[in-house]
Amino acid sequence: MRKKISIIGAGNVGGTLAQRLAERDYADVVLVDIIEGLPQGKGLDLLESAPIVGYDTKVVGTNDYADTAGSDLVVITSGMARKPGMSRDDLVLANGEIVRAVVEQVMKYSPNTILLVVTNPLDAMTQLALHVSGLPRERVVGQSGVLDSARFRTFIALELGVSFRDVQAMVLGGHGDTMVPLPRYATVSGIPITELIPPERIEALVRRTIDGGAEIVRLLKTGSAFYAPSAATAEMV
């Protein structure tokens, strides 16, 4: 029997994640949003892509949480996105209300699911989801570590002009100003970056990693990152 993954929020992150998961073809996908027609339209669009890309994933778009019943995994992407000048913490009150309501509905239909939280501010929303759901802590996860580490790896690869695939790096801590990129554990084909990049440039890469999300918000002006966050989430799934 195929696994079932529900994605709450059919915006940029949720819609792109649905596409990534559909193309991986290992679970059926339910895409939920409060806007009528939005998840249904994206779901149908993904189904019509199946013969071209070559997958058999069933994608259902819906406004009804009942369609998520029995989900093995629920990804929460719903909430307000950052705008220029905003920090992730500026979203805590508005998105806290949204995440609380989402988790209450999810648990009604999938009491044994795993929650994967993407909504910002990530650390606070993950803690809130844990509290509201009553699930064991190992079943409520936030996705930031994969994303932040990928950003650090990206900037190292660009600095040295090497393949992204050859770079390994780690970022610990929260998803925001408290994150801690670890240069001493970053390598290129096994060679520590401390042997390849001057200290002042490493510090610049660390700072750019910490500001990675804000940099994209400033460039987009009307939203926040979604390609890399959806890729990071799909990797965790």
C-alpha atoms as a PDB file:
ATOM      1  CA  MET A   1       0.000   0.000   0.000  1.00  0.00           C
ATOM      2  CA  ARG A   2       1.384   3.399  -0.992  1.00  0.00           C
ATOM      3  CA  LYS A   3       2.245   5.932   1.660  1.00  0.00           C
ATOM      4  CA  LYS A   4       0.222   9.129   1.971  1.00  0.00           C
ATOM      5  CA  ILE A   5       1.739  12.578   2.438  1.00  0.00           C
ATOM      6  CA  SER A   6      -0.400  15.638   3.079  1.00  0.00           C
ATOM      7  CA  ILE A   7       0.914  19.146   2.453  1.00  0.00           C
ATOM      8  CA  ILE A   8      -0.899  21.951   4.243  1.00  0.00           C
ATOM      9  CA  GLY A   9      -0.576  25.170   2.273  1.00  0.00           C
ATOM     10  CA  ALA A  10      -0.632  25.268  -1.536  1.00  0.00           C
ATOM     11  CA  GLY A  11       1.453  28.401  -1.947  1.00  0.00           C
ATOM     12  CA  ASN A  12       4.941  28.577  -3.420  1.00  0.00           C
ATOM     13  CA  VAL A  13       6.593  26.202  -0.953  1.00  0.00           C
ATOM     14  CA  GLY A  14       3.678  23.779  -0.736  1.00  0.00           C
ATOM     15  CA  GLY A  15       3.010  23.683  -4.462  1.00  0.00           C
ATOM     16  CA  THR A  16       6.671  23.220  -5.357  1.00  0.00           C
ATOM     17  CA  LEU A  17       7.034  20.527  -2.708  1.00  0.00           C
ATOM     18  CA  ALA A  18       4.004  18.699  -4.118  1.00  0.00           C
ATOM     19  CA  GLN A  19       5.704  18.680  -7.519  1.00  0.00           C
ATOM     20  CA  ARG A  20       8.987  17.368  -6.105  1.00  0.00           C
ATOM     21  CA  LEU A  21       7.258  14.588  -4.175  1.00  0.00           C
ATOM     22  CA  ALA A  22       5.024  13.638  -7.097  1.00  0.00           C
ATOM     23  CA  GLU A  23       8.051  13.275  -9.350  1.00  0.00           C
ATOM     24  CA  ARG A  24       9.784  11.044  -6.791  1.00  0.00           C
ATOM     25  CA  ASP A  25       6.788   8.697  -7.057  1.00  0.00           C
ATOM     26  CA  TYR A  26       6.977   7.002  -3.659  1.00  0.00           C
ATOM     27  CA  ALA A  27       3.816   8.327  -2.007  1.00  0.00           C
ATOM     28  CA  ASP A  28       0.465   9.804  -2.938  1.00  0.00           C
ATOM     29  CA  VAL A  29       0.036  13.494  -2.156  1.00  0.00           C
ATOM     30  CA  VAL A  30      -2.850  15.510  -0.721  1.00  0.00           C
ATOM     31  CA  LEU A  31      -2.501  19.281  -1.139  1.00  0.00           C
ATOM     32  CA  VAL A  32      -4.654  21.374   1.217  1.00  0.00           C
ATOM     33  CA  ASP A  33      -5.404  25.095   1.234  1.00  0.00           C
ATOM     34  CA  ILE A  34      -8.190  27.371   2.458  1.00  0.00           C
ATOM     35  CA  ILE A  35      -8.448  29.114  -0.934  1.00  0.00           C
ATOM     36  CA  GLU A  36     -11.056  27.357  -3.038  1.00  0.00           C
ATOM     37  CA  GLY A  37      -9.726  26.135  -6.359  1.00  0.00           C
ATOM     38  CA  LEU A  38      -6.041  26.730  -5.599  1.00  0.00           C
ATOM     39  CA  PRO A  39      -5.077  23.231  -4.393  1.00  0.00           C
ATOM     40  CA  GLN A  40      -7.505  21.609  -6.821  1.00  0.00           C
ATOM     41  CA  GLY A  41      -5.970  23.456  -9.758  1.00  0.00           C
ATOM     42  CA  LYS A  42      -2.398  22.684  -8.758  1.00  0.00           C
ATOM     43  CA  GLY A  43      -3.289  19.068  -8.046  1.00  0.00           C
ATOM     44  CA  LEU A  44      -4.871  18.617 -11.464  1.00  0.00           C
ATOM     45  CA  ASP A  45      -1.926  20.335 -13.128  1.00  0.00           C
ATOM     46  CA  LEU A  46       0.436  17.869 -11.445  1.00  0.00           C
ATOM     47  CA  LEU A  47      -1.699  14.911 -12.512  1.00  0.00           C
ATOM     48  CA  GLU A  48      -1.573  16.106 -16.107  1.00  0.00           C
ATOM     49  CA  SER A  49       2.223  16.230 -15.819  1.00  0.00           C
ATOM     50  CA  ALA A  50       2.415  12.548 -14.888  1.00  0.00           C
ATOM     51  CA  PRO A  51       2.339  11.080 -18.431  1.00  0.00           C
ATOM     52  CA  ILE A  52       5.084  13.491 -19.506  1.00  0.00           C
ATOM     53  CA  VAL A  53       7.440  13.083 -16.550  1.00  0.00           C
ATOM     54  CA  GLY A  54       6.552   9.447 -15.973  1.00  0.00           C
ATOM     55  CA  TYR A  55       5.129   8.976 -12.489  1.00  0.00           C
ATOM     56  CA  ASP A  56       2.005   7.379 -11.011  1.00  0.00           C
ATOM     57  CA  THR A  57       1.607   9.583  -7.944  1.00  0.00           C
ATOM     58  CA  LYS A  58      -2.013  10.418  -7.186  1.00  0.00           C
ATOM     59  CA  VAL A  59      -2.273  14.106  -6.303  1.00  0.00           C
ATOM     60  CA  VAL A  60      -5.480  15.385  -4.700  1.00  0.00           C
ATOM     61  CA  GLY A  61      -6.139  19.080  -4.130  1.00  0.00           C
ATOM     62  CA  THR A  62      -8.711  19.907  -1.481  1.00  0.00           C
ATOM     63  CA  ASN A  63     -10.070  22.414   1.034  1.00  0.00           C
ATOM     64  CA  ASP A  64     -11.251  19.621   3.351  1.00  0.00           C
ATOM     65  CA  TYR A  65      -8.970  18.162   6.031  1.00  0.00           C
ATOM     66  CA  ALA A  66     -11.008  14.961   5.915  1.00  0.00           C
ATOM     67  CA  ASP A  67      -9.125  14.118   2.722  1.00  0.00           C
ATOM     68  CA  THR A  68      -5.895  13.981   4.741  1.00  0.00           C
ATOM     69  CA  ALA A  69      -7.182  11.134   6.935  1.00  0.00           C
ATOM     70  CA  GLY A  70      -4.615   8.440   7.586  1.00  0.00           C
ATOM     71  CA  SER A  71      -1.623  10.492   6.435  1.00  0.00           C
ATOM     72  CA  ASP A  72       1.744   8.928   7.208  1.00  0.00           C
ATOM     73  CA  LEU A  73       3.365  12.364   7.098  1.00  0.00           C
ATOM     74  CA  VAL A  74       1.957  15.889   7.170  1.00  0.00           C
ATOM     75  CA  VAL A  75       4.054  18.846   6.021  1.00  0.00           C
ATOM     76  CA  ILE A  76       2.939  22.245   7.313  1.00  0.00           C
ATOM     77  CA  THR A  77       3.871  25.104   4.981  1.00  0.00           C
ATOM     78  CA  SER A  78       0.881  27.399   5.547  1.00  0.00           C
ATOM     79  CA  GLY A  79       1.341  30.893   6.922  1.00  0.00           C
ATOM     80  CA  MET A  80       2.427  34.389   5.999  1.00  0.00           C
ATOM     81  CA  ALA A  81       5.711  34.834   4.145  1.00  0.00           C
ATOM     82  CA  ARG A  82       8.325  37.411   5.103  1.00  0.00           C
ATOM     83  CA  LYS A  83       8.526  40.761   3.385  1.00  0.00           C
ATOM     84  CA  PRO A  84      11.582  43.027   3.112  1.00  0.00           C
ATOM     85  CA  GLY A  85      12.576  44.416   6.501  1.00  0.00           C
ATOM     86  CA  MET A  86      10.823  41.649   8.440  1.00  0.00           C
ATOM     87  CA  SER A  87      12.560  39.050  10.559  1.00  0.00           C
ATOM     88  CA  ARG A  88      11.206  35.541  10.941  1.00  0.00           C
ATOM     89  CA  ASP A  89      10.207  36.432  14.498  1.00  0.00           C
ATOM     90  CA  ASP A  90       7.881  39.155  13.199  1.00  0.00           C
ATOM     91  CA  LEU A  91       5.606  36.358  11.980  1.00  0.00           C
ATOM     92  CA  VAL A  92       5.244  34.567  15.299  1.00  0.00           C
ATOM     93  CA  LEU A  93       1.778  35.788  16.319  1.00  0.00           C
ATOM     94  CA  ALA A  94       0.037  35.552  12.948  1.00  0.00           C
ATOM     95  CA  ASN A  95       1.586  32.251  11.950  1.00  0.00           C
ATOM     96  CA  GLY A  96       1.199  30.847  15.442  1.00  0.00           C
ATOM     97  CA  GLU A  97      -2.578  31.097  15.129  1.00  0.00           C
ATOM     98  CA  ILE A  98      -2.464  29.460  11.704  1.00  0.00           C
ATOM     99  CA  VAL A  99      -0.217  26.587  12.779  1.00  0.00           C
ATOM    100  CA  ARG A 100      -2.290  25.917  15.893  1.00  0.00           C
ATOM    101  CA  ALA A 101      -5.474  25.638  13.829  1.00  0.00           C
ATOM    102  CA  VAL A 102      -3.761  23.452  11.222  1.00  0.00           C
ATOM    103  CA  VAL A 103      -2.349  21.024  13.779  1.00  0.00           C
ATOM    104  CA  GLU A 104      -5.715  20.682  15.511  1.00  0.00           C
ATOM    105  CA  GLN A 105      -7.356  19.725  12.213  1.00  0.00           C
ATOM    106  CA  VAL A 106      -4.540  17.389  11.183  1.00  0.00           C
ATOM    107  CA  MET A 107      -4.594  15.476  14.464  1.00  0.00           C
ATOM    108  CA  LYS A 108      -8.342  14.977  14.188  1.00  0.00           C
ATOM    109  CA  TYR A 109      -7.852  12.871  11.060  1.00  0.00           C
ATOM    110  CA  SER A 110      -4.285  11.529  11.408  1.00  0.00           C
ATOM    111  CA  PRO A 111      -3.535  11.058  15.119  1.00  0.00           C
ATOM    112  CA  ASN A 112      -0.495   8.850  14.470  1.00  0.00           C
ATOM    113  CA  THR A 113       1.150  10.952  11.786  1.00  0.00           C
ATOM    114  CA  ILE A 114       4.573  12.597  11.687  1.00  0.00           C
ATOM    115  CA  LEU A 115       4.606  16.399  11.458  1.00  0.00           C
ATOM    116  CA  LEU A 116       7.242  18.182   9.393  1.00  0.00           C
ATOM    117  CA  VAL A 117       7.064  21.932   9.999  1.00  0.00           C
ATOM    118  CA  VAL A 118       8.255  24.485   7.433  1.00  0.00           C
ATOM    119  CA  THR A 119       6.326  27.596   8.531  1.00  0.00           C
ATOM    120  CA  ASN A 120       8.373  30.487   9.955  1.00  0.00           C
ATOM    121  CA  PRO A 121       9.527  31.317  12.540  1.00  0.00           C
ATOM    122  CA  LEU A 122      10.532  27.691  12.223  1.00  0.00           C
ATOM    123  CA  ASP A 123      11.786  26.933  15.724  1.00  0.00           C
ATOM    124  CA  ALA A 124       8.800  28.505  17.470  1.00  0.00           C
ATOM    125  CA  MET A 125       6.281  26.912  15.104  1.00  0.00           C
ATOM    126  CA  THR A 126       7.825  23.465  15.557  1.00  0.00           C
ATOM    127  CA  GLN A 127       7.624  23.824  19.337  1.00  0.00           C
ATOM    128  CA  LEU A 128       4.017  24.972  19.026  1.00  0.00           C
ATOM    129  CA  ALA A 129       3.144  22.006  16.798  1.00  0.00           C
ATOM    130  CA  LEU A 130       4.697  19.652  19.344  1.00  0.00           C
ATOM    131  CA  HIS A 131       2.639  21.196  22.157  1.00  0.00           C
ATOM    132  CA  VAL A 132      -0.680  21.282  20.288  1.00  0.00           C
ATOM    133  CA  SER A 133      -0.367  17.825  18.720  1.00  0.00           C
ATOM    134  CA  GLY A 134       0.621  15.952  21.862  1.00  0.00           C
ATOM    135  CA  LEU A 135       2.826  13.741  19.695  1.00  0.00           C
ATOM    136  CA  PRO A 136       6.168  12.381  20.945  1.00  0.00           C
ATOM    137  CA  ARG A 137       8.972  14.805  20.146  1.00  0.00           C
ATOM    138  CA  GLU A 138      10.567  12.412  17.652  1.00  0.00           C
ATOM    139  CA  ARG A 139       7.425  12.720  15.503  1.00  0.00           C
ATOM    140  CA  VAL A 140       7.518  16.528  15.196  1.00  0.00           C
ATOM    141  CA  VAL A 141      10.402  17.872  13.120  1.00  0.00           C
ATOM    142  CA  GLY A 142      11.473  21.220  11.642  1.00  0.00           C
ATOM    143  CA  GLN A 143      13.250  21.357   8.289  1.00  0.00           C
ATOM    144  CA  SER A 144      15.732  24.216   8.766  1.00  0.00           C
ATOM    145  CA  GLY A 145      18.990  22.286   9.241  1.00  0.00           C
ATOM    146  CA  VAL A 146      18.973  20.810   5.742  1.00  0.00           C
ATOM    147  CA  LEU A 147      18.183  24.189   4.171  1.00  0.00           C
ATOM    148  CA  ASP A 148      20.747  26.198   6.126  1.00  0.00           C
ATOM    149  CA  SER A 149      23.472  23.627   5.471  1.00  0.00           C
ATOM    150  CA  ALA A 150      22.625  23.670   1.753  1.00  0.00           C
ATOM    151  CA  ARG A 151      22.992  27.447   1.667  1.00  0.00           C
ATOM    152  CA  PHE A 152      26.400  27.233   3.334  1.00  0.00           C
ATOM    153  CA  ARG A 153      27.467  24.563   0.827  1.00  0.00           C
ATOM    154  CA  THR A 154      26.237  26.727  -2.051  1.00  0.00           C
ATOM    155  CA  PHE A 155      28.242  29.773  -1.008  1.00  0.00           C
ATOM    156  CA  ILE A 156      31.393  27.694  -0.467  1.00  0.00           C
ATOM    157  CA  ALA A 157      31.058  26.164  -3.944  1.00  0.00           C
ATOM    158  CA  LEU A 158      30.540  29.576  -5.536  1.00  0.00           C
ATOM    159  CA  GLU A 159      33.534  30.994  -3.675  1.00  0.00           C
ATOM    160  CA  LEU A 160      35.863  28.251  -4.913  1.00  0.00           C
ATOM    161  CA  GLY A 161      34.299  27.576  -8.304  1.00  0.00           C
ATOM    162  CA  VAL A 162      33.807  23.881  -7.542  1.00  0.00           C
ATOM    163  CA  SER A 163      30.906  21.472  -7.952  1.00  0.00           C
ATOM    164  CA  PHE A 164      28.124  21.807  -5.390  1.00  0.00           C
ATOM    165  CA  ARG A 165      28.230  18.024  -5.076  1.00  0.00           C
ATOM    166  CA  ASP A 166      31.813  18.088  -3.799  1.00  0.00           C
ATOM    167  CA  VAL A 167      31.044  20.356  -0.831  1.00  0.00           C
ATOM    168  CA  GLN A 168      29.983  19.073   2.575  1.00  0.00           C
ATOM    169  CA  ALA A 169      29.073  21.452   5.391  1.00  0.00           C
ATOM    170  CA  MET A 170      27.049  21.600   8.572  1.00  0.00           C
ATOM    171  CA  VAL A 171      24.941  24.280  10.246  1.00  0.00           C
ATOM    172  CA  LEU A 172      23.632  23.892  13.794  1.00  0.00           C
ATOM    173  CA  GLY A 173      21.336  25.994  15.962  1.00  0.00           C
ATOM    174  CA  GLY A 174      18.131  27.823  15.173  1.00  0.00           C
ATOM    175  CA  HIS A 175      16.767  28.913  11.815  1.00  0.00           C
ATOM    176  CA  GLY A 176      17.720  32.579  12.060  1.00  0.00           C
ATOM    177  CA  ASP A 177      20.372  34.759  13.657  1.00  0.00           C
ATOM    178  CA  THR A 178      21.159  32.029  16.190  1.00  0.00           C
ATOM    179  CA  MET A 179      22.266  29.497  13.553  1.00  0.00           C
ATOM    180  CA  VAL A 180      25.891  28.370  13.764  1.00  0.00           C
ATOM    181  CA  PRO A 181      27.651  27.406  10.510  1.00  0.00           C
ATOM    182  CA  LEU A 182      30.698  25.245  11.320  1.00  0.00           C
ATOM    183  CA  PRO A 183      33.607  26.032   8.960  1.00  0.00           C
ATOM    184  CA  ARG A 184      35.933  23.575  10.714  1.00  0.00           C
ATOM    185  CA  TYR A 185      33.668  20.720   9.566  1.00  0.00           C
ATOM    186  CA  ALA A 186      33.171  22.018   6.011  1.00  0.00           C
ATOM    187  CA  THR A 187      35.122  20.263   3.264  1.00  0.00           C
ATOM    188  CA  VAL A 188      35.593  20.191  -0.494  1.00  0.00           C
ATOM    189  CA  SER A 189      36.334  16.660  -1.703  1.00  0.00           C
ATOM    190  CA  GLY A 190      37.508  15.929   1.831  1.00  0.00           C
ATOM    191  CA  ILE A 191      39.785  18.980   2.106  1.00  0.00           C
ATOM    192  CA  PRO A 192      38.848  21.381   4.951  1.00  0.00           C
ATOM    193  CA  ILE A 193      37.833  24.801   3.662  1.00  0.00           C
ATOM    194  CA  THR A 194      40.128  26.328   6.285  1.00  0.00           C
ATOM    195  CA  GLU A 195      42.975  25.171   4.014  1.00  0.00           C
ATOM    196  CA  LEU A 196      41.357  26.636   0.896  1.00  0.00           C
ATOM    197  CA  ILE A 197      39.730  29.930   1.894  1.00  0.00           C
ATOM    198  CA  PRO A 198      41.193  32.849   3.896  1.00  0.00           C
ATOM    199  CA  PRO A 199      39.625  33.427   7.343  1.00  0.00           C
ATOM    200  CA  GLU A 200      38.047  36.750   6.387  1.00  0.00           C
ATOM    201  CA  ARG A 201      36.315  35.167   3.398  1.00  0.00           C
ATOM    202  CA  ILE A 202      35.100  32.261   5.526  1.00  0.00           C
ATOM    203  CA  GLU A 203      33.575  34.772   7.934  1.00  0.00           C
ATOM    204  CA  ALA A 204      31.826  36.465   5.002  1.00  0.00           C
ATOM    205  CA  LEU A 205      30.397  33.111   3.875  1.00  0.00           C
ATOM    206  CA  VAL A 206      29.183  32.397   7.403  1.00  0.00           C
ATOM    207  CA  ARG A 207      27.434  35.767   7.555  1.00  0.00           C
ATOM    208  CA  ARG A 208      25.864  35.272   4.128  1.00  0.00           C
ATOM    209  CA  THR A 209      24.561  31.877   5.241  1.00  0.00           C
ATOM    210  CA  ILE A 210      22.950  33.380   8.332  1.00  0.00           C
ATOM    211  CA  ASP A 211      21.366  36.086   6.157  1.00  0.00           C
ATOM    212  CA  GLY A 212      20.540  33.657   3.337  1.00  0.00           C
ATOM    213  CA  GLY A 213      16.774  33.829   3.637  1.00  0.00           C
ATOM    214  CA  ALA A 214      16.719  37.598   4.107  1.00  0.00           C
ATOM    215  CA  GLU A 215      18.864  38.066   0.992  1.00  0.00           C
ATOM    216  CA  ILE A 216      16.245  36.302  -1.124  1.00  0.00           C
ATOM    217  CA  VAL A 217      13.414  38.253   0.521  1.00  0.00           C
ATOM    218  CA  ARG A 218      15.175  41.500  -0.400  1.00  0.00           C
ATOM    219  CA  LEU A 219      15.597  40.365  -4.003  1.00  0.00           C
ATOM    220  CA  LEU A 220      12.050  39.058  -4.476  1.00  0.00           C
ATOM    221  CA  LYS A 221      10.460  41.996  -2.613  1.00  0.00           C
ATOM    222  CA  THR A 222       7.041  40.304  -2.531  1.00  0.00           C
ATOM    223  CA  GLY A 223       7.789  36.946  -0.932  1.00  0.00           C
ATOM    224  CA  SER A 224      10.406  34.570   0.389  1.00  0.00           C
ATOM    225  CA  ALA A 225      12.418  31.584  -0.815  1.00  0.00           C
ATOM    226  CA  PHE A 226      10.596  28.462  -1.950  1.00  0.00           C
ATOM    227  CA  TYR A 227      12.741  26.403  -4.341  1.00  0.00           C
ATOM    228  CA  ALA A 228      15.454  25.597  -1.787  1.00  0.00           C
ATOM    229  CA  PRO A 229      13.033  25.195   1.157  1.00  0.00           C
ATOM    230  CA  SER A 230      10.909  22.758  -0.844  1.00  0.00           C
ATOM    231  CA  ALA A 231      14.025  20.858  -1.951  1.00  0.00           C
ATOM    232  CA  ALA A 232      15.217  20.632   1.658  1.00  0.00           C
ATOM    233  CA  THR A 233      11.815  19.394   2.789  1.00  0.00           C
ATOM    234  CA  ALA A 234      11.624  16.791   0.023  1.00  0.00           C
ATOM    235  CA  GLU A 235      15.073  15.547   1.036  1.00  0.00           C
ATOM    236  CA  MET A 236      13.848  15.047   4.604  1.00  0.00           C
ATOM    237  CA  VAL A 237      10.727  13.227   3.440  1.00  0.00           C
END
